């Protein structure tokens, strides 16, 4: 089974589902030259967000720590300054400034 990410209105096959390890991310190169960070959570759901950390400008979110607390949605914590980004919405959980959110990409399996 393949995992696809929607970018610029088209579905891009990025990897096999078996290539993903729950709790770890992988970086995905998009057709426009941008990057996404793809994650598989421990419940088998896939998420894709922008890979660029808006606080540092580094493309590192795919290397962040995945977690969740209480009733919060799953998040990834940046490996640099540790800000947490909601995997479903891209919102920074530690800074409500909309300029600190990351893009979110739809994912599907085929």
Protein backbone atom coordinates (compact mmCIF):
# COMPACT_ATOMS: atom_id res chain seq x y z
CA UNK A 1 0.00 0.00 0.00
CA UNK A 2 1.30 3.45 -0.97
CA UNK A 3 0.93 6.73 0.92
CA UNK A 4 0.12 9.82 -1.14
CA UNK A 5 0.24 13.52 -0.23
CA UNK A 6 -1.95 16.14 -1.89
CA UNK A 7 0.00 19.19 -3.04
CA UNK A 8 -0.95 21.81 -5.62
CA UNK A 9 -4.20 19.97 -6.35
CA UNK A 10 -2.66 16.62 -7.23
CA UNK A 11 -1.89 13.43 -5.33
CA UNK A 12 1.80 12.54 -5.17
CA UNK A 13 2.87 9.01 -4.19
CA UNK A 14 5.62 9.40 -1.59
CA UNK A 15 6.36 6.01 -0.02
CA UNK A 16 4.99 2.66 0.99
CA UNK A 17 3.01 2.49 4.21
CA UNK A 18 5.41 -0.21 5.43
CA UNK A 19 8.28 2.30 5.08
CA UNK A 20 6.84 4.47 7.87
CA UNK A 21 7.63 3.85 11.53
CA UNK A 22 5.03 5.02 14.07
CA UNK A 23 6.24 8.09 15.93
CA UNK A 24 8.97 8.94 13.42
CA UNK A 25 8.77 11.32 10.50
CA UNK A 26 10.18 11.35 7.00
CA UNK A 27 10.85 14.34 4.77
CA UNK A 28 9.06 14.45 1.42
CA UNK A 29 10.13 16.59 -1.54
CA UNK A 30 7.13 18.20 -3.26
CA UNK A 31 6.92 19.00 -6.99
CA UNK A 32 7.25 22.76 -6.34
CA UNK A 33 10.53 22.20 -4.47
CA UNK A 34 8.92 22.57 -1.04
CA UNK A 35 9.08 19.92 1.66
CA UNK A 36 6.54 18.13 3.81
CA UNK A 37 7.07 16.08 6.96
CA UNK A 38 5.11 12.82 6.84
CA UNK A 39 4.16 10.95 10.04
CA UNK A 40 2.41 7.75 11.02
CA UNK A 41 0.94 7.84 14.51
CA UNK A 42 0.63 4.85 16.82
CA UNK A 43 -3.01 4.39 15.77
CA UNK A 44 -2.08 4.04 12.09
CA UNK A 45 -3.20 7.51 10.92
CA UNK A 46 -0.94 9.44 8.55
CA UNK A 47 -0.31 13.19 8.72
CA UNK A 48 1.67 15.59 6.55
CA UNK A 49 2.71 19.12 7.52
CA UNK A 50 5.28 21.56 6.19
CA UNK A 51 8.80 20.48 7.10
CA UNK A 52 10.08 24.05 7.68
CA UNK A 53 10.24 25.19 11.31
CA UNK A 54 8.83 28.76 11.21
CA UNK A 55 10.87 29.79 14.25
CA UNK A 56 14.29 28.94 12.78
CA UNK A 57 13.69 28.51 9.06
CA UNK A 58 15.34 25.07 9.16
CA UNK A 59 13.71 22.11 7.39
CA UNK A 60 13.69 19.80 10.41
CA UNK A 61 10.16 19.04 11.59
CA UNK A 62 10.34 15.53 10.10
CA UNK A 63 13.02 14.83 12.73
CA UNK A 64 10.88 16.05 15.63
CA UNK A 65 9.37 14.08 18.48
CA UNK A 66 5.75 12.95 18.03
CA UNK A 67 3.48 12.93 21.03
CA UNK A 68 0.13 13.91 22.51
CA UNK A 69 -1.06 15.04 25.89
CA UNK A 70 -4.50 14.72 27.40
CA UNK A 71 -7.22 15.54 24.89
CA UNK A 72 -4.87 17.29 22.47
CA UNK A 73 -4.43 16.05 18.95
CA UNK A 74 -1.11 14.45 18.05
CA UNK A 75 1.73 16.93 17.64
CA UNK A 76 5.36 17.06 16.61
CA UNK A 77 7.87 19.00 18.71
CA UNK A 78 10.56 20.74 16.71
CA UNK A 79 13.99 19.21 17.38
CA UNK A 80 15.50 22.70 17.63
CA UNK A 81 13.49 24.96 19.94
CA UNK A 82 10.85 22.36 20.96
CA UNK A 83 7.72 24.26 19.83
CA UNK A 84 4.85 21.82 19.29
CA UNK A 85 2.83 21.76 16.05
CA UNK A 86 -0.60 20.12 15.81
CA UNK A 87 -0.37 17.43 13.12
CA UNK A 88 -4.03 17.88 12.10
CA UNK A 89 -4.13 21.69 11.82
CA UNK A 90 -0.49 22.88 11.64
CA UNK A 91 -1.14 25.31 14.50
CA UNK A 92 1.72 25.98 16.88
CA UNK A 93 0.46 24.88 20.28
CA UNK A 94 2.99 27.11 22.05
CA UNK A 95 2.41 30.35 20.10
CA UNK A 96 -1.05 31.30 18.79
CA UNK A 97 0.40 33.67 16.15
CA UNK A 98 -0.98 32.44 12.79
CA UNK A 99 2.38 33.28 11.18
CA UNK A 100 3.91 30.49 13.29
CA UNK A 101 1.60 27.77 11.90
CA UNK A 102 2.84 25.31 9.28
CA UNK A 103 0.93 24.13 6.19
CA UNK A 104 -1.04 20.90 6.36
CA UNK A 105 -1.32 18.43 3.48
CA UNK A 106 -4.02 15.80 3.02
CA UNK A 107 -2.80 12.19 2.93
CA UNK A 108 -4.35 9.00 1.63
CA UNK A 109 -3.46 5.34 1.08
CA UNK A 110 -3.88 3.55 -2.23
